[in-house]
Amino acid sequence: MPDATVNLELNSDEALVLFEFLSRYSNSDELTIEDPAEQRVLWNMCCDLEKTLISPFNTSYAQFLEAARSATRDSKG
């Protein structure tokens, strides 16, 4: 699925909660849940991805995941 696009929809409240969670991580390099709303947004996104993605249910999932990680990492140059 290298060139495929996946779209996730968030309402404005979910987007704001996710923004705060990601901003905090960006500033501290620590992933911590500070409010149950953050956990809810992450769970909802996981459920949406489960409905969208096929790879996690493929027997070659580990290879798909490694290829996706390799393609997504920042280059070391």
PDB file of N, CA and C in Angstrom:
ATOM      1  N   MET A   1       0.819  -1.186   0.000  1.00  0.00           N
ATOM      2  CA  MET A   1       0.000   0.000   0.000  1.00  0.00           C
ATOM      3  C   MET A   1       0.867   1.256   0.000  1.00  0.00           C
ATOM      4  N   PRO A   2       2.005   1.277  -0.691  1.00  0.00           N
ATOM      5  CA  PRO A   2       2.968   2.377  -0.596  1.00  0.00           C
ATOM      6  C   PRO A   2       2.427   3.741  -1.003  1.00  0.00           C
ATOM      7  N   ASP A   3       1.620   3.826  -2.041  1.00  0.00           N
ATOM      8  CA  ASP A   3       1.163   5.133  -2.497  1.00  0.00           C
ATOM      9  C   ASP A   3      -0.277   5.426  -2.106  1.00  0.00           C
ATOM     10  N   ALA A   4      -0.863   4.565  -1.321  1.00  0.00           N
ATOM     11  CA  ALA A   4      -2.252   4.755  -0.918  1.00  0.00           C
ATOM     12  C   ALA A   4      -2.344   5.850   0.141  1.00  0.00           C
ATOM     13  N   THR A   5      -3.462   6.508   0.168  1.00  0.00           N
ATOM     14  CA  THR A   5      -3.733   7.532   1.167  1.00  0.00           C
ATOM     15  C   THR A   5      -4.804   7.006   2.113  1.00  0.00           C
ATOM     16  N   VAL A   6      -4.601   7.233   3.389  1.00  0.00           N
ATOM     17  CA  VAL A   6      -5.587   6.858   4.401  1.00  0.00           C
ATOM     18  C   VAL A   6      -6.064   8.141   5.052  1.00  0.00           C
ATOM     19  N   ASN A   7      -7.356   8.322   5.108  1.00  0.00           N
ATOM     20  CA  ASN A   7      -7.925   9.514   5.727  1.00  0.00           C
ATOM     21  C   ASN A   7      -8.641   9.135   7.010  1.00  0.00           C
ATOM     22  N   LEU A   8      -8.343   9.865   8.065  1.00  0.00           N
ATOM     23  CA  LEU A   8      -9.035   9.715   9.344  1.00  0.00           C
ATOM     24  C   LEU A   8      -9.773  11.018   9.616  1.00  0.00           C
ATOM     25  N   GLU A   9     -10.993  10.906  10.065  1.00  0.00           N
ATOM     26  CA  GLU A   9     -11.759  12.106  10.373  1.00  0.00           C
ATOM     27  C   GLU A   9     -11.823  12.319  11.878  1.00  0.00           C
ATOM     28  N   LEU A  10     -11.597  13.562  12.286  1.00  0.00           N
ATOM     29  CA  LEU A  10     -11.709  13.967  13.683  1.00  0.00           C
ATOM     30  C   LEU A  10     -12.629  15.171  13.745  1.00  0.00           C
ATOM     31  N   ASN A  11     -13.431  15.243  14.803  1.00  0.00           N
ATOM     32  CA  ASN A  11     -14.172  16.484  14.970  1.00  0.00           C
ATOM     33  C   ASN A  11     -13.217  17.510  15.593  1.00  0.00           C
ATOM     34  N   SER A  12     -13.639  18.732  15.714  1.00  0.00           N
ATOM     35  CA  SER A  12     -12.726  19.791  16.171  1.00  0.00           C
ATOM     36  C   SER A  12     -12.263  19.562  17.614  1.00  0.00           C
ATOM     37  N   ASP A  13     -13.102  18.995  18.460  1.00  0.00           N
ATOM     38  CA  ASP A  13     -12.682  18.703  19.836  1.00  0.00           C
ATOM     39  C   ASP A  13     -11.605  17.619  19.847  1.00  0.00           C
ATOM     40  N   GLU A  14     -11.824  16.539  19.087  1.00  0.00           N
ATOM     41  CA  GLU A  14     -10.837  15.467  19.011  1.00  0.00           C
ATOM     42  C   GLU A  14      -9.514  15.982  18.454  1.00  0.00           C
ATOM     43  N   ALA A  15      -9.594  16.832  17.435  1.00  0.00           N
ATOM     44  CA  ALA A  15      -8.382  17.382  16.830  1.00  0.00           C
ATOM     45  C   ALA A  15      -7.605  18.223  17.838  1.00  0.00           C
ATOM     46  N   LEU A  16      -8.293  19.013  18.631  1.00  0.00           N
ATOM     47  CA  LEU A  16      -7.626  19.842  19.630  1.00  0.00           C
ATOM     48  C   LEU A  16      -6.970  18.981  20.713  1.00  0.00           C
ATOM     49  N   VAL A  17      -7.666  17.948  21.167  1.00  0.00           N
ATOM     50  CA  VAL A  17      -7.111  17.043  22.170  1.00  0.00           C
ATOM     51  C   VAL A  17      -5.883  16.331  21.603  1.00  0.00           C
ATOM     52  N   LEU A  18      -5.970  15.852  20.360  1.00  0.00           N
ATOM     53  CA  LEU A  18      -4.833  15.180  19.729  1.00  0.00           C
ATOM     54  C   LEU A  18      -3.666  16.145  19.523  1.00  0.00           C
ATOM     55  N   PHE A  19      -3.959  17.371  19.121  1.00  0.00           N
ATOM     56  CA  PHE A  19      -2.912  18.373  18.954  1.00  0.00           C
ATOM     57  C   PHE A  19      -2.145  18.591  20.253  1.00  0.00           C
ATOM     58  N   GLU A  20      -2.867  18.723  21.353  1.00  0.00           N
ATOM     59  CA  GLU A  20      -2.214  18.940  22.655  1.00  0.00           C
ATOM     60  C   GLU A  20      -1.342  17.745  23.026  1.00  0.00           C
ATOM     61  N   PHE A  21      -1.856  16.547  22.829  1.00  0.00           N
ATOM     62  CA  PHE A  21      -1.116  15.324  23.139  1.00  0.00           C
ATOM     63  C   PHE A  21       0.180  15.266  22.322  1.00  0.00           C
ATOM     64  N   LEU A  22       0.076  15.500  21.011  1.00  0.00           N
ATOM     65  CA  LEU A  22       1.251  15.432  20.141  1.00  0.00           C
ATOM     66  C   LEU A  22       2.227  16.576  20.398  1.00  0.00           C
ATOM     67  N   SER A  23       1.715  17.750  20.694  1.00  0.00           N
ATOM     68  CA  SER A  23       2.581  18.890  21.001  1.00  0.00           C
ATOM     69  C   SER A  23       3.383  18.636  22.265  1.00  0.00           C
ATOM     70  N   ARG A  24       2.719  18.083  23.265  1.00  0.00           N
ATOM     71  CA  ARG A  24       3.399  17.761  24.512  1.00  0.00           C
ATOM     72  C   ARG A  24       4.518  16.749  24.256  1.00  0.00           C
ATOM     73  N   TYR A  25       4.230  15.740  23.437  1.00  0.00           N
ATOM     74  CA  TYR A  25       5.258  14.754  23.089  1.00  0.00           C
ATOM     75  C   TYR A  25       6.408  15.412  22.334  1.00  0.00           C
ATOM     76  N   SER A  26       6.085  16.285  21.402  1.00  0.00           N
ATOM     77  CA  SER A  26       7.103  16.976  20.609  1.00  0.00           C
ATOM     78  C   SER A  26       8.031  17.800  21.493  1.00  0.00           C
ATOM     79  N   ASN A  27       7.485  18.359  22.541  1.00  0.00           N
ATOM     80  CA  ASN A  27       8.284  19.200  23.446  1.00  0.00           C
ATOM     81  C   ASN A  27       9.043  18.413  24.506  1.00  0.00           C
ATOM     82  N   SER A  28       8.547  17.219  24.873  1.00  0.00           N
ATOM     83  CA  SER A  28       9.145  16.501  25.994  1.00  0.00           C
ATOM     84  C   SER A  28       9.731  15.139  25.633  1.00  0.00           C
ATOM     85  N   ASP A  29       9.420  14.618  24.458  1.00  0.00           N
ATOM     86  CA  ASP A  29       9.807  13.253  24.060  1.00  0.00           C
ATOM     87  C   ASP A  29       9.247  12.201  25.014  1.00  0.00           C
ATOM     88  N   GLU A  30       8.144  12.501  25.670  1.00  0.00           N
ATOM     89  CA  GLU A  30       7.476  11.558  26.563  1.00  0.00           C
ATOM     90  C   GLU A  30       6.017  11.427  26.149  1.00  0.00           C
ATOM     91  N   LEU A  31       5.590  10.182  25.960  1.00  0.00           N
ATOM     92  CA  LEU A  31       4.191   9.919  25.653  1.00  0.00           C
ATOM     93  C   LEU A  31       3.463   9.608  26.951  1.00  0.00           C
ATOM     94  N   THR A  32       2.693  10.565  27.417  1.00  0.00           N
ATOM     95  CA  THR A  32       1.923  10.377  28.645  1.00  0.00           C
ATOM     96  C   THR A  32       0.488  10.830  28.413  1.00  0.00           C
ATOM     97  N   ILE A  33      -0.426  10.079  28.975  1.00  0.00           N
ATOM     98  CA  ILE A  33      -1.836  10.453  28.925  1.00  0.00           C
ATOM     99  C   ILE A  33      -2.107  11.325  30.141  1.00  0.00           C
ATOM    100  N   GLU A  34      -2.481  12.573  29.898  1.00  0.00           N
ATOM    101  CA  GLU A  34      -2.770  13.487  31.009  1.00  0.00           C
ATOM    102  C   GLU A  34      -4.262  13.640  31.260  1.00  0.00           C
ATOM    103  N   ASP A  35      -5.080  13.160  30.327  1.00  0.00           N
ATOM    104  CA  ASP A  35      -6.519  13.278  30.483  1.00  0.00           C
ATOM    105  C   ASP A  35      -7.161  12.103  29.758  1.00  0.00           C
ATOM    106  N   PRO A  36      -8.243  11.539  30.305  1.00  0.00           N
ATOM    107  CA  PRO A  36      -8.903  10.417  29.642  1.00  0.00           C
ATOM    108  C   PRO A  36      -9.345  10.722  28.201  1.00  0.00           C
ATOM    109  N   ALA A  37      -9.559  11.982  27.891  1.00  0.00           N
ATOM    110  CA  ALA A  37      -9.947  12.349  26.525  1.00  0.00           C
ATOM    111  C   ALA A  37      -8.848  11.985  25.526  1.00  0.00           C
ATOM    112  N   GLU A  38      -7.587  12.101  25.950  1.00  0.00           N
ATOM    113  CA  GLU A  38      -6.473  11.740  25.067  1.00  0.00           C
ATOM    114  C   GLU A  38      -6.505  10.245  24.755  1.00  0.00           C
ATOM    115  N   GLN A  39      -6.749   9.445  25.771  1.00  0.00           N
ATOM    116  CA  GLN A  39      -6.841   8.004  25.578  1.00  0.00           C
ATOM    117  C   GLN A  39      -8.016   7.671  24.656  1.00  0.00           C
ATOM    118  N   ARG A  40      -9.137   8.333  24.832  1.00  0.00           N
ATOM    119  CA  ARG A  40     -10.313   8.089  24.007  1.00  0.00           C
ATOM    120  C   ARG A  40     -10.032   8.410  22.542  1.00  0.00           C
ATOM    121  N   VAL A  41      -9.390   9.543  22.279  1.00  0.00           N
ATOM    122  CA  VAL A  41      -9.071   9.921  20.899  1.00  0.00           C
ATOM    123  C   VAL A  41      -8.142   8.877  20.263  1.00  0.00           C
ATOM    124  N   LEU A  42      -7.154   8.421  21.008  1.00  0.00           N
ATOM    125  CA  LEU A  42      -6.227   7.412  20.481  1.00  0.00           C
ATOM    126  C   LEU A  42      -6.946   6.088  20.222  1.00  0.00           C
ATOM    127  N   TRP A  43      -7.804   5.666  21.138  1.00  0.00           N
ATOM    128  CA  TRP A  43      -8.575   4.433  20.930  1.00  0.00           C
ATOM    129  C   TRP A  43      -9.467   4.558  19.696  1.00  0.00           C
ATOM    130  N   ASN A  44     -10.133   5.709  19.562  1.00  0.00           N
ATOM    131  CA  ASN A  44     -11.009   5.915  18.403  1.00  0.00           C
ATOM    132  C   ASN A  44     -10.217   5.860  17.099  1.00  0.00           C
ATOM    133  N   MET A  45      -9.041   6.469  17.094  1.00  0.00           N
ATOM    134  CA  MET A  45      -8.210   6.438  15.888  1.00  0.00           C
ATOM    135  C   MET A  45      -7.764   5.011  15.575  1.00  0.00           C
ATOM    136  N   CYS A  46      -7.413   4.246  16.594  1.00  0.00           N
ATOM    137  CA  CYS A  46      -7.017   2.848  16.402  1.00  0.00           C
ATOM    138  C   CYS A  46      -8.174   2.057  15.790  1.00  0.00           C
ATOM    139  N   CYS A  47      -9.375   2.260  16.300  1.00  0.00           N
ATOM    140  CA  CYS A  47     -10.553   1.572  15.750  1.00  0.00           C
ATOM    141  C   CYS A  47     -10.775   1.952  14.287  1.00  0.00           C
ATOM    142  N   ASP A  48     -10.621   3.224  13.976  1.00  0.00           N
ATOM    143  CA  ASP A  48     -10.784   3.672  12.592  1.00  0.00           C
ATOM    144  C   ASP A  48      -9.734   3.033  11.687  1.00  0.00           C
ATOM    145  N   LEU A  49      -8.503   2.934  12.173  1.00  0.00           N
ATOM    146  CA  LEU A  49      -7.445   2.300  11.382  1.00  0.00           C
ATOM    147  C   LEU A  49      -7.718   0.809  11.189  1.00  0.00           C
ATOM    148  N   GLU A  50      -8.237   0.144  12.213  1.00  0.00           N
ATOM    149  CA  GLU A  50      -8.583  -1.271  12.083  1.00  0.00           C
ATOM    150  C   GLU A  50      -9.630  -1.489  11.000  1.00  0.00           C
ATOM    151  N   LYS A  51     -10.546  -0.536  10.847  1.00  0.00           N
ATOM    152  CA  LYS A  51     -11.583  -0.642   9.823  1.00  0.00           C
ATOM    153  C   LYS A  51     -11.043  -0.352   8.431  1.00  0.00           C
ATOM    154  N   THR A  52      -9.921   0.375   8.349  1.00  0.00           N
ATOM    155  CA  THR A  52      -9.388   0.848   7.077  1.00  0.00           C
ATOM    156  C   THR A  52      -8.262  -0.023   6.532  1.00  0.00           C
ATOM    157  N   LEU A  53      -7.353  -0.435   7.411  1.00  0.00           N
ATOM    158  CA  LEU A  53      -6.151  -1.137   6.968  1.00  0.00           C
ATOM    159  C   LEU A  53      -6.395  -2.634   6.780  1.00  0.00           C
ATOM    160  N   ILE A  54      -5.706  -3.198   5.815  1.00  0.00           N
ATOM    161  CA  ILE A  54      -5.766  -4.629   5.545  1.00  0.00           C
ATOM    162  C   ILE A  54      -4.512  -5.319   6.075  1.00  0.00           C
ATOM    163  N   SER A  55      -3.373  -4.657   5.993  1.00  0.00           N
ATOM    164  CA  SER A  55      -2.073  -5.248   6.347  1.00  0.00           C
ATOM    165  C   SER A  55      -2.015  -5.882   7.734  1.00  0.00           C
ATOM    166  N   PRO A  56      -2.601  -5.281   8.778  1.00  0.00           N
ATOM    167  CA  PRO A  56      -2.486  -5.896  10.102  1.00  0.00           C
ATOM    168  C   PRO A  56      -3.075  -7.302  10.189  1.00  0.00           C
ATOM    169  N   PHE A  57      -3.924  -7.656   9.246  1.00  0.00           N
ATOM    170  CA  PHE A  57      -4.576  -8.961   9.275  1.00  0.00           C
ATOM    171  C   PHE A  57      -3.956  -9.938   8.281  1.00  0.00           C
ATOM    172  N   ASN A  58      -2.857  -9.526   7.660  1.00  0.00           N
ATOM    173  CA  ASN A  58      -2.148 -10.358   6.693  1.00  0.00           C
ATOM    174  C   ASN A  58      -1.076 -11.165   7.418  1.00  0.00           C
ATOM    175  N   THR A  59      -0.828 -12.378   6.960  1.00  0.00           N
ATOM    176  CA  THR A  59       0.201 -13.208   7.604  1.00  0.00           C
ATOM    177  C   THR A  59       1.598 -12.611   7.448  1.00  0.00           C
ATOM    178  N   SER A  60       1.782 -11.701   6.504  1.00  0.00           N
ATOM    179  CA  SER A  60       3.076 -11.044   6.286  1.00  0.00           C
ATOM    180  C   SER A  60       3.134  -9.677   6.959  1.00  0.00           C
ATOM    181  N   TYR A  61       2.321  -9.478   7.973  1.00  0.00           N
ATOM    182  CA  TYR A  61       2.240  -8.182   8.646  1.00  0.00           C
ATOM    183  C   TYR A  61       3.601  -7.660   9.092  1.00  0.00           C
ATOM    184  N   ALA A  62       4.436  -8.510   9.677  1.00  0.00           N
ATOM    185  CA  ALA A  62       5.741  -8.061  10.176  1.00  0.00           C
ATOM    186  C   ALA A  62       6.582  -7.470   9.046  1.00  0.00           C
ATOM    187  N   GLN A  63       6.526  -8.083   7.882  1.00  0.00           N
ATOM    188  CA  GLN A  63       7.285  -7.561   6.736  1.00  0.00           C
ATOM    189  C   GLN A  63       6.684  -6.245   6.243  1.00  0.00           C
ATOM    190  N   PHE A  64       5.352  -6.161   6.205  1.00  0.00           N
ATOM    191  CA  PHE A  64       4.705  -4.910   5.803  1.00  0.00           C
ATOM    192  C   PHE A  64       5.065  -3.788   6.770  1.00  0.00           C
ATOM    193  N   LEU A  65       5.059  -4.099   8.056  1.00  0.00           N
ATOM    194  CA  LEU A  65       5.377  -3.094   9.068  1.00  0.00           C
ATOM    195  C   LEU A  65       6.819  -2.626   8.930  1.00  0.00           C
ATOM    196  N   GLU A  66       7.744  -3.540   8.751  1.00  0.00           N
ATOM    197  CA  GLU A  66       9.153  -3.147   8.601  1.00  0.00           C
ATOM    198  C   GLU A  66       9.359  -2.293   7.356  1.00  0.00           C
ATOM    199  N   ALA A  67       8.714  -2.655   6.258  1.00  0.00           N
ATOM    200  CA  ALA A  67       8.824  -1.861   5.032  1.00  0.00           C
ATOM    201  C   ALA A  67       8.234  -0.460   5.248  1.00  0.00           C
ATOM    202  N   ALA A  68       7.118  -0.379   5.942  1.00  0.00           N
ATOM    203  CA  ALA A  68       6.495   0.925   6.209  1.00  0.00           C
ATOM    204  C   ALA A  68       7.376   1.763   7.122  1.00  0.00           C
ATOM    205  N   ARG A  69       7.977   1.137   8.116  1.00  0.00           N
ATOM    206  CA  ARG A  69       8.886   1.874   9.005  1.00  0.00           C
ATOM    207  C   ARG A  69      10.095   2.382   8.234  1.00  0.00           C
ATOM    208  N   SER A  70      10.671   1.546   7.405  1.00  0.00           N
ATOM    209  CA  SER A  70      11.829   1.946   6.599  1.00  0.00           C
ATOM    210  C   SER A  70      11.500   3.109   5.673  1.00  0.00           C
ATOM    211  N   ALA A  71      10.319   3.056   5.082  1.00  0.00           N
ATOM    212  CA  ALA A  71       9.910   4.119   4.164  1.00  0.00           C
ATOM    213  C   ALA A  71       9.576   5.411   4.879  1.00  0.00           C
ATOM    214  N   THR A  72       9.241   5.340   6.149  1.00  0.00           N
ATOM    215  CA  THR A  72       8.786   6.507   6.901  1.00  0.00           C
ATOM    216  C   THR A  72       9.878   7.183   7.708  1.00  0.00           C
ATOM    217  N   ARG A  73      10.916   6.439   8.076  1.00  0.00           N
ATOM    218  CA  ARG A  73      11.993   7.013   8.903  1.00  0.00           C
ATOM    219  C   ARG A  73      12.651   8.205   8.217  1.00  0.00           C
ATOM    220  N   ASP A  74      13.146   9.141   9.040  1.00  0.00           N
ATOM    221  CA  ASP A  74      13.971  10.222   8.522  1.00  0.00           C
ATOM    222  C   ASP A  74      15.279   9.610   8.036  1.00  0.00           C
ATOM    223  N   SER A  75      15.815  10.145   6.945  1.00  0.00           N
ATOM    224  CA  SER A  75      17.091   9.639   6.451  1.00  0.00           C
ATOM    225  C   SER A  75      18.212  10.138   7.353  1.00  0.00           C
ATOM    226  N   LYS A  76      19.301   9.384   7.403  1.00  0.00           N
ATOM    227  CA  LYS A  76      20.422   9.758   8.254  1.00  0.00           C
ATOM    228  C   LYS A  76      21.456  10.521   7.436  1.00  0.00           C
ATOM    229  N   GLY A  77      21.089  11.564   6.809  1.00  0.00           N
ATOM    230  CA  GLY A  77      22.057  12.257   5.984  1.00  0.00           C
ATOM    231  C   GLY A  77      22.014  13.659   6.153  1.00  0.00           C
TER     232      GLY A  77
END
